C-alpha atoms as a PDB file:
ATOM      1  CA  MET A   1      37.158   2.675 -15.309  1.00  0.00           C
ATOM      2  CA  THR A   2      37.354   0.902 -18.681  1.00  0.00           C
ATOM      3  CA  ASN A   3      39.377   0.794 -21.815  1.00  0.00           C
ATOM      4  CA  SER A   4      37.680   2.706 -24.584  1.00  0.00           C
ATOM      5  CA  GLU A   5      38.305   0.076 -27.154  1.00  0.00           C
ATOM      6  CA  HIS A   6      36.133  -2.310 -25.414  1.00  0.00           C
ATOM      7  CA  CYS A   7      33.027  -0.156 -25.405  1.00  0.00           C
ATOM      8  CA  TYR A   8      30.680   1.481 -27.729  1.00  0.00           C
ATOM      9  CA  LEU A   9      30.836   5.213 -28.657  1.00  0.00           C
ATOM     10  CA  PHE A  10      27.826   7.163 -27.085  1.00  0.00           C
ATOM     11  CA  GLN A  11      26.178  10.343 -27.595  1.00  0.00           C
ATOM     12  CA  GLU A  12      24.931  12.457 -24.630  1.00  0.00           C
ATOM     13  CA  LYS A  13      21.919  14.588 -24.152  1.00  0.00           C
ATOM     14  CA  LEU A  14      22.140  16.987 -21.279  1.00  0.00           C
ATOM     15  CA  ASP A  15      19.773  19.465 -19.631  1.00  0.00           C
ATOM     16  CA  ASN A  16      19.908  21.353 -16.451  1.00  0.00           C
ATOM     17  CA  GLU A  17      19.043  18.486 -14.185  1.00  0.00           C
ATOM     18  CA  ASN A  18      19.301  15.308 -16.187  1.00  0.00           C
ATOM     19  CA  ALA A  19      21.560  13.324 -18.560  1.00  0.00           C
ATOM     20  CA  SER A  20      20.969  10.575 -21.033  1.00  0.00           C
ATOM     21  CA  TYR A  21      23.557   8.691 -22.989  1.00  0.00           C
ATOM     22  CA  TYR A  22      22.607   6.789 -26.122  1.00  0.00           C
ATOM     23  CA  PHE A  23      24.558   3.968 -27.937  1.00  0.00           C
ATOM     24  CA  VAL A  24      23.889   1.211 -30.224  1.00  0.00           C
ATOM     25  CA  SER A  25      24.432  -2.361 -28.901  1.00  0.00           C
ATOM     26  CA  ASN A  26      25.701  -4.257 -32.002  1.00  0.00           C
ATOM     27  CA  GLY A  27      25.329  -7.894 -31.060  1.00  0.00           C
ATOM     28  CA  TYR A  28      22.932 -10.520 -32.475  1.00  0.00           C
ATOM     29  CA  ARG A  29      20.691  -7.509 -33.397  1.00  0.00           C
ATOM     30  CA  ARG A  30      21.205  -3.659 -33.350  1.00  0.00           C
ATOM     31  CA  LEU A  31      19.482  -2.162 -30.242  1.00  0.00           C
ATOM     32  CA  LEU A  32      19.524   1.484 -29.134  1.00  0.00           C
ATOM     33  CA  LYS A  33      20.445   1.495 -25.529  1.00  0.00           C
ATOM     34  CA  VAL A  34      20.162   4.473 -23.030  1.00  0.00           C
ATOM     35  CA  VAL A  35      21.761   5.234 -19.754  1.00  0.00           C
ATOM     36  CA  GLN A  36      19.810   7.812 -17.837  1.00  0.00           C
ATOM     37  CA  TYR A  37      20.771   9.846 -14.835  1.00  0.00           C
ATOM     38  CA  THR A  38      17.642  11.320 -13.369  1.00  0.00           C
ATOM     39  CA  TYR A  39      17.813  14.093 -10.705  1.00  0.00           C
ATOM     40  CA  VAL A  40      15.893  12.853  -7.628  1.00  0.00           C
ATOM     41  CA  GLY A  41      16.604  15.645  -5.167  1.00  0.00           C
ATOM     42  CA  ILE A  42      19.291  16.494  -2.446  1.00  0.00           C
ATOM     43  CA  ASN A  43      20.534  13.757  -0.230  1.00  0.00           C
ATOM     44  CA  ARG A  44      23.315  14.337   2.300  1.00  0.00           C
ATOM     45  CA  GLU A  45      23.628  17.878   0.902  1.00  0.00           C
ATOM     46  CA  ARG A  46      24.412  16.464  -2.511  1.00  0.00           C
ATOM     47  CA  PRO A  47      22.411  16.608  -5.714  1.00  0.00           C
ATOM     48  CA  THR A  48      21.373  12.958  -6.205  1.00  0.00           C
ATOM     49  CA  TYR A  49      20.673  11.167  -9.485  1.00  0.00           C
ATOM     50  CA  ASN A  50      19.067   7.815 -10.039  1.00  0.00           C
ATOM     51  CA  PHE A  51      20.879   5.644 -12.554  1.00  0.00           C
ATOM     52  CA  GLY A  52      18.564   4.055 -15.219  1.00  0.00           C
ATOM     53  CA  PHE A  53      19.660   1.654 -18.030  1.00  0.00           C
ATOM     54  CA  GLY A  54      17.774  -0.238 -20.748  1.00  0.00           C
ATOM     55  CA  THR A  55      16.791  -0.401 -24.300  1.00  0.00           C
ATOM     56  CA  LEU A  56      15.031   2.545 -25.884  1.00  0.00           C
ATOM     57  CA  ASN A  57      11.555   1.908 -27.158  1.00  0.00           C
ATOM     58  CA  LEU A  58      11.603   3.622 -30.474  1.00  0.00           C
ATOM     59  CA  ASP A  59       7.721   3.547 -30.703  1.00  0.00           C
ATOM     60  CA  ASN A  60       7.201   5.844 -27.739  1.00  0.00           C
ATOM     61  CA  GLY A  61      10.727   6.992 -26.584  1.00  0.00           C
ATOM     62  CA  THR A  62      10.630   5.325 -23.122  1.00  0.00           C
ATOM     63  CA  LEU A  63      13.219   3.317 -21.404  1.00  0.00           C
ATOM     64  CA  GLN A  64      12.576  -0.463 -21.195  1.00  0.00           C
ATOM     65  CA  ASP A  65      14.508  -1.347 -18.129  1.00  0.00           C
ATOM     66  CA  MET A  66      12.863  -4.667 -17.283  1.00  0.00           C
ATOM     67  CA  ASP A  67      13.842  -6.372 -20.495  1.00  0.00           C
ATOM     68  CA  ILE A  68      16.902  -8.720 -20.829  1.00  0.00           C
ATOM     69  CA  SER A  69      18.144  -8.185 -24.358  1.00  0.00           C
ATOM     70  CA  ALA A  70      20.774 -11.141 -24.285  1.00  0.00           C
ATOM     71  CA  ASN A  71      22.387  -9.474 -27.377  1.00  0.00           C
ATOM     72  CA  GLY A  72      25.727 -11.257 -26.980  1.00  0.00           C
ATOM     73  CA  ASP A  73      27.762  -8.125 -26.196  1.00  0.00           C
ATOM     74  CA  ALA A  74      27.283  -7.851 -22.483  1.00  0.00           C
ATOM     75  CA  TYR A  75      30.829  -6.987 -21.560  1.00  0.00           C
ATOM     76  CA  LYS A  76      31.126  -4.178 -24.194  1.00  0.00           C
ATOM     77  CA  VAL A  77      27.688  -2.798 -23.042  1.00  0.00           C
ATOM     78  CA  PHE A  78      28.726  -3.003 -19.372  1.00  0.00           C
ATOM     79  CA  ASN A  79      32.032  -1.126 -20.181  1.00  0.00           C
ATOM     80  CA  THR A  80      29.980   1.549 -22.109  1.00  0.00           C
ATOM     81  CA  VAL A  81      27.768   2.029 -19.184  1.00  0.00           C
ATOM     82  CA  LEU A  82      30.757   2.473 -16.906  1.00  0.00           C
ATOM     83  CA  ASN A  83      32.187   5.053 -19.185  1.00  0.00           C
ATOM     84  CA  THR A  84      28.956   6.960 -18.956  1.00  0.00           C
ATOM     85  CA  VAL A  85      29.550   7.127 -15.315  1.00  0.00           C
ATOM     86  CA  LEU A  86      32.914   8.955 -15.913  1.00  0.00           C
ATOM     87  CA  ASP A  87      31.532  11.299 -18.276  1.00  0.00           C
ATOM     88  CA  PHE A  88      28.562  12.139 -16.039  1.00  0.00           C
ATOM     89  CA  LEU A  89      30.636  12.836 -13.029  1.00  0.00           C
ATOM     90  CA  LYS A  90      32.877  15.142 -15.110  1.00  0.00           C
ATOM     91  CA  ARG A  91      29.798  17.075 -16.209  1.00  0.00           C
ATOM     92  CA  PHE A  92      28.081  17.055 -12.787  1.00  0.00           C
ATOM     93  CA  PRO A  93      30.803  17.249 -10.243  1.00  0.00           C
ATOM     94  CA  GLY A  94      29.707  16.602  -6.798  1.00  0.00           C
ATOM     95  CA  ALA A  95      26.726  14.561  -7.787  1.00  0.00           C
ATOM     96  CA  MET A  96      25.864  11.427  -5.961  1.00  0.00           C
ATOM     97  CA  ILE A  97      24.607   8.414  -7.973  1.00  0.00           C
ATOM     98  CA  MET A  98      21.950   6.024  -6.753  1.00  0.00           C
ATOM     99  CA  VAL A  99      21.980   2.533  -8.305  1.00  0.00           C
ATOM    100  CA  GLU A 100      19.031   0.173  -7.762  1.00  0.00           C
ATOM    101  CA  GLY A 101      17.682  -2.750  -9.935  1.00  0.00           C
ATOM    102  CA  SER A 102      14.494  -2.213 -11.689  1.00  0.00           C
ATOM    103  CA  ASP A 103      13.721  -5.907 -10.928  1.00  0.00           C
ATOM    104  CA  SER A 104      13.725  -5.034  -7.270  1.00  0.00           C
ATOM    105  CA  ASN A 105      10.346  -3.399  -7.503  1.00  0.00           C
ATOM    106  CA  THR A 106       7.659  -5.209  -5.534  1.00  0.00           C
ATOM    107  CA  LEU A 107       5.563  -5.500  -8.754  1.00  0.00           C
ATOM    108  CA  TYR A 108       8.390  -7.194 -10.670  1.00  0.00           C
ATOM    109  CA  PRO A 109       7.392 -10.878  -9.831  1.00  0.00           C
ATOM    110  CA  ASP A 110       3.905 -10.315 -11.317  1.00  0.00           C
ATOM    111  CA  LEU A 111       5.421  -9.062 -14.479  1.00  0.00           C
ATOM    112  CA  CYS A 112       8.109 -11.741 -14.571  1.00  0.00           C
ATOM    113  CA  TRP A 113       5.585 -14.613 -14.094  1.00  0.00           C
ATOM    114  CA  LEU A 114       3.778 -13.613 -17.260  1.00  0.00           C
ATOM    115  CA  THR A 115       6.797 -14.854 -19.395  1.00  0.00           C
ATOM    116  CA  CYS A 116       9.072 -16.757 -16.896  1.00  0.00           C
ATOM    117  CA  ASN A 117      10.482 -20.084 -17.879  1.00  0.00           C
ATOM    118  CA  LYS A 118      12.135 -20.775 -14.421  1.00  0.00           C
ATOM    119  CA  ASN A 119       8.927 -22.263 -12.995  1.00  0.00           C
ATOM    120  CA  CYS A 120       9.219 -20.172  -9.815  1.00  0.00           C
ATOM    121  CA  ALA A 121       6.624 -20.711  -7.137  1.00  0.00           C
ATOM    122  CA  PRO A 122       4.704 -17.708  -6.136  1.00  0.00           C
ATOM    123  CA  PRO A 123       5.496 -15.489  -4.241  1.00  0.00           C
ATOM    124  CA  HIS A 124       9.217 -16.167  -4.948  1.00  0.00           C
ATOM    125  CA  CYS A 125      10.748 -15.015  -8.158  1.00  0.00           C
ATOM    126  CA  ARG A 126      14.404 -16.136  -9.091  1.00  0.00           C
ATOM    127  CA  ASN A 127      14.788 -13.083 -11.220  1.00  0.00           C
ATOM    128  CA  GLN A 128      13.824 -10.608  -8.635  1.00  0.00           C
ATOM    129  CA  HIS A 129      16.906  -8.465  -7.444  1.00  0.00           C
ATOM    130  CA  ARG A 130      19.117  -9.931 -10.080  1.00  0.00           C
ATOM    131  CA  ARG A 131      20.382  -6.578 -11.337  1.00  0.00           C
ATOM    132  CA  ILE A 132      21.388  -5.171  -7.900  1.00  0.00           C
ATOM    133  CA  LYS A 133      23.100  -8.420  -7.235  1.00  0.00           C
ATOM    134  CA  LEU A 134      25.145  -7.996 -10.429  1.00  0.00           C
ATOM    135  CA  TYR A 135      26.041  -4.374  -9.521  1.00  0.00           C
ATOM    136  CA  LYS A 136      26.984  -5.483  -6.008  1.00  0.00           C
ATOM    137  CA  SER A 137      29.009  -8.355  -7.475  1.00  0.00           C
ATOM    138  CA  PHE A 138      30.990  -5.985  -9.699  1.00  0.00           C
ATOM    139  CA  LEU A 139      31.558  -3.631  -6.861  1.00  0.00           C
ATOM    140  CA  ASN A 140      32.579  -6.369  -4.476  1.00  0.00           C
ATOM    141  CA  LYS A 141      35.125  -7.815  -6.853  1.00  0.00           C
ATOM    142  CA  ASN A 142      36.570  -4.384  -7.774  1.00  0.00           C
ATOM    143  CA  TYR A 143      36.095  -2.651  -4.381  1.00  0.00           C
ATOM    144  CA  ASP A 144      39.825  -2.109  -3.601  1.00  0.00           C
ATOM    145  CA  LEU A 145      40.386  -0.326  -6.855  1.00  0.00           C
ATOM    146  CA  LEU A 146      37.250   1.530  -7.082  1.00  0.00           C
ATOM    147  CA  SER A 147      37.318   2.768  -3.431  1.00  0.00           C
ATOM    148  CA  LYS A 148      40.489   4.722  -4.258  1.00  0.00           C
ATOM    149  CA  GLU A 149      38.471   7.082  -6.214  1.00  0.00           C
ATOM    150  CA  TYR A 150      34.943   6.651  -4.953  1.00  0.00           C
ATOM    151  CA  GLN A 151      33.128   6.541  -1.692  1.00  0.00           C
ATOM    152  CA  PHE A 152      30.225   3.998  -1.533  1.00  0.00           C
ATOM    153  CA  CYS A 153      27.231   3.565   0.717  1.00  0.00           C
ATOM    154  CA  GLY A 154      24.741   0.706   0.913  1.00  0.00           C
ATOM    155  CA  GLY A 155      21.127   1.537   1.276  1.00  0.00           C
ATOM    156  CA  VAL A 156      18.096  -0.288   2.683  1.00  0.00           C
ATOM    157  CA  LYS A 157      14.494   1.127   2.879  1.00  0.00           C
ATOM    158  CA  ASN A 158      12.917   1.556   6.181  1.00  0.00           C
ATOM    159  CA  THR A 159       9.181   1.290   7.092  1.00  0.00           C
ATOM    160  CA  HIS A 160       8.673   4.857   5.671  1.00  0.00           C
ATOM    161  CA  ASN A 161      10.152   3.809   2.324  1.00  0.00           C
ATOM    162  CA  GLU A 162      13.141   5.921   2.926  1.00  0.00           C
ATOM    163  CA  TYR A 163      16.805   4.841   2.434  1.00  0.00           C
ATOM    164  CA  VAL A 164      18.856   4.246   5.377  1.00  0.00           C
ATOM    165  CA  MET A 165      22.425   4.557   4.299  1.00  0.00           C
ATOM    166  CA  GLU A 166      25.591   3.066   5.751  1.00  0.00           C
ATOM    167  CA  GLU A 167      29.165   2.833   4.732  1.00  0.00           C
ATOM    168  CA  TYR A 168      29.311   0.070   2.145  1.00  0.00           C
ATOM    169  CA  ARG A 169      30.380  -3.344   3.340  1.00  0.00           C
ATOM    170  CA  ARG A 170      31.086  -6.039   0.948  1.00  0.00           C
ATOM    171  CA  ASN A 171      28.543  -8.905   0.857  1.00  0.00           C
ATOM    172  CA  ASN A 172      25.889  -7.062   2.796  1.00  0.00           C
ATOM    173  CA  ASN A 173      22.428  -7.235   1.500  1.00  0.00           C
ATOM    174  CA  TYR A 174      21.618  -3.717   0.057  1.00  0.00           C
ATOM    175  CA  GLU A 175      18.667  -2.592  -1.996  1.00  0.00           C
ATOM    176  CA  SER A 176      20.707   0.266  -3.528  1.00  0.00           C
ATOM    177  CA  ILE A 177      24.214   1.626  -3.712  1.00  0.00           C
ATOM    178  CA  PHE A 178      25.110   5.252  -3.553  1.00  0.00           C
ATOM    179  CA  PHE A 179      28.521   6.649  -4.571  1.00  0.00           C
ATOM    180  CA  ILE A 180      30.319   9.880  -5.072  1.00  0.00           C
ATOM    181  CA  GLN A 181      34.030  10.788  -6.061  1.00  0.00           C
ATOM    182  CA  LYS A 182      36.121  10.563  -3.051  1.00  0.00           C
ATOM    183  CA  GLN A 183      37.758  13.995  -3.281  1.00  0.00           C
ATOM    184  CA  LEU A 184      34.227  15.483  -3.028  1.00  0.00           C
ATOM    185  CA  ALA A 185      33.013  12.939  -0.464  1.00  0.00           C
ATOM    186  CA  ASN A 186      32.307  12.982   3.210  1.00  0.00           C
ATOM    187  CA  PHE A 187      28.683  12.730   2.571  1.00  0.00           C
ATOM    188  CA  MET A 188      28.244   9.560   4.486  1.00  0.00           C
ATOM    189  CA  ILE A 189      27.093   8.884   8.051  1.00  0.00           C
END
């Protein structure tokens, strides 16, 4: 997906069901970043992993996925994250990855309003859903290239809080994106 000279070196920590990738974002400050692939169960007969990304809180070891670090190295960080996807899929062949935005949580506006400088009017939050929009924008711009190797689905939650998946269509309003390597695909509808 990316050229290795435009990304950070990462170190992986794997166990039977999960994978974490650690790297240092070296922009305005040095920040320890982590990409986590957390097993969430079987979906469409595939082991499915939730994608998580953020800054590692060194005090308690938790992933801070609501923060925006604005560290001046966004492209290098993004390329590094993309390279972890490649590594993860090599180590967990046949896995399906689910991507959501942590800022799509229904509680996010309440957290955002505590420090927001955009003067949003409740109940609307301009920052909500920003991350999934970024992921969809990247996919939409690169869909022709990426769809040669990966099969994508868009997901929207139903009234039972379960994802209803459909073949990904550019510019549709999805709450999540699911994907798998194409040679292992046919997990869709």
